[in-house]
Protein backbone atom coordinates (compact mmCIF):
# COMPACT_ATOMS: atom_id res chain seq x y z
CA MET A 1 85.11 87.16 96.95
CA LEU A 2 86.01 90.00 99.34
CA LYS A 3 82.54 90.10 100.84
CA ASP A 4 82.74 86.38 101.64
CA ALA A 5 86.00 86.97 103.54
CA ASP A 6 84.69 90.05 105.37
CA GLN A 7 85.07 88.48 108.82
CA HIS A 8 88.79 87.95 108.18
CA LEU A 9 89.54 91.39 106.72
CA GLN A 10 90.21 94.60 108.58
CA PHE A 11 91.53 96.74 105.73
CA VAL A 12 91.77 96.14 101.99
CA LEU A 13 93.33 98.55 99.53
CA LEU A 14 92.05 98.33 95.96
CA THR A 15 94.05 100.32 93.44
CA GLY A 16 93.48 101.25 89.87
CA VAL A 17 92.92 104.09 87.48
CA SER A 18 89.13 103.99 87.24
CA LYS A 19 86.37 104.30 89.79
CA PHE A 20 84.54 100.99 89.96
CA SER A 21 82.56 101.43 93.17
CA LYS A 22 79.28 102.06 91.35
CA VAL A 23 79.71 99.25 88.82
CA SER A 24 78.13 95.81 89.14
CA LEU A 25 81.63 94.31 89.27
CA PHE A 26 81.41 94.83 93.04
CA SER A 27 77.81 93.76 93.57
CA GLY A 28 77.29 93.07 97.23
CA LEU A 29 80.42 94.99 98.13
CA ASN A 30 78.71 98.15 99.27
CA ASN A 31 81.21 99.56 101.74
CA LEU A 32 83.91 100.87 99.39
CA ARG A 33 85.33 104.26 100.25
CA ASP A 34 87.26 106.37 97.75
CA ILE A 35 90.25 107.82 99.63
CA THR A 36 92.00 109.20 96.55
CA LEU A 37 91.91 112.83 97.70
CA SER A 38 91.57 112.33 101.44
CA SER A 39 94.28 114.12 103.43
CA ASP A 40 94.03 111.38 106.09
CA TYR A 41 95.72 108.94 103.71
CA THR A 42 98.33 111.07 101.93
CA THR A 43 101.27 109.04 103.23
CA LEU A 44 99.74 105.60 102.69
CA CYS A 45 101.52 104.75 99.42
CA GLY A 46 104.95 106.26 99.82
CA TYR A 47 107.79 107.07 102.19
CA THR A 48 107.85 110.36 104.09
CA ASN A 49 110.98 112.36 104.91
CA ASN A 50 110.71 110.96 108.43
CA ASP A 51 110.61 107.39 107.06
CA ILE A 52 113.77 108.03 105.04
CA ASP A 53 115.56 109.67 107.99
CA THR A 54 114.64 107.01 110.56
CA VAL A 55 113.71 103.67 109.01
CA PHE A 56 116.27 103.89 106.23
CA LYS A 57 119.01 105.75 108.12
CA PRO A 58 121.54 102.90 107.70
CA GLU A 59 120.95 102.94 103.93
CA LEU A 60 121.72 106.67 103.61
CA SER A 61 125.44 106.25 104.18
CA GLY A 62 127.31 107.69 101.20
CA LEU A 63 124.16 109.15 99.62
CA ASP A 64 123.13 112.81 99.48
CA HIS A 65 119.72 113.12 101.16
CA GLN A 66 118.95 116.41 99.38
CA GLU A 67 119.64 114.78 96.02
CA ILE A 68 117.42 111.83 96.95
CA LYS A 69 114.68 114.30 97.88
CA GLN A 70 115.10 116.10 94.57
CA TRP A 71 114.78 112.86 92.60
CA TYR A 72 112.12 110.89 94.47
CA ASN A 73 110.14 113.13 96.85
CA GLY A 74 107.22 114.75 95.16
CA TYR A 75 104.07 112.65 95.08
CA ARG A 76 101.27 114.40 96.86
CA TRP A 77 97.50 114.28 96.86
CA GLY A 78 94.72 115.23 99.20
CA GLY A 79 94.49 118.93 98.44
CA GLY A 80 95.88 121.79 100.46
CA GLU A 81 99.15 121.45 102.29
CA THR A 82 99.78 117.73 102.37
CA THR A 83 102.90 115.74 103.03
CA SER A 84 104.74 114.69 99.91
CA VAL A 85 106.00 111.14 99.71
CA TYR A 86 108.88 109.36 98.02
CA ASN A 87 108.27 106.76 95.35
CA PRO A 88 108.84 103.49 97.28
CA PHE A 89 109.97 101.41 94.31
CA ASP A 90 112.59 103.96 93.23
CA VAL A 91 113.87 104.49 96.77
CA LEU A 92 114.31 100.77 97.42
CA LEU A 93 116.03 100.37 94.06
CA LEU A 94 118.35 103.27 94.97
CA PHE A 95 119.34 101.57 98.22
CA GLN A 96 119.99 98.32 96.37
CA GLU A 97 121.84 99.73 93.35
CA ARG A 98 123.32 102.84 95.06
CA GLU A 99 122.53 104.86 91.91
CA LEU A 100 119.84 107.49 91.25
CA THR A 101 117.51 106.37 88.46
CA LEU A 102 113.98 107.15 87.35
CA THR A 103 112.42 103.79 86.60
CA GLY A 104 109.15 105.28 85.42
CA LEU A 105 110.93 107.01 82.55
CA SER A 106 112.86 103.98 81.35
CA PRO A 107 111.24 101.62 78.87
CA PRO A 108 110.96 98.05 80.14
CA ARG A 109 113.79 95.82 79.03
CA PRO A 110 112.96 92.31 77.85
CA HIS A 111 114.70 89.49 79.67
CA PHE A 112 115.75 86.40 77.78
CA TRP A 113 116.44 83.39 79.97
């Protein structure tokens, strides 16, 4: 499916917990590149301190930036000295709810409509 759309695609990010690049699931898709530990992509899936300070500056009013950093800044990969990033989902939820929470530690709550 991706190979057929190749002319229309510049960049595609496949995520998951297993490496599938050598499996027949992607037959014909021979140009996959594993960037899991590449320092060139350390900030791809999160917000940097600079993002928080600039892009989200209006949202910081009334919030303690150091406390936000303590709660949500800490994802890092790529080896060596890499930039740590904030969890995007938690940061956006913080700006919406104005309350520090760790969503990854809370069990999902069923919704009954």
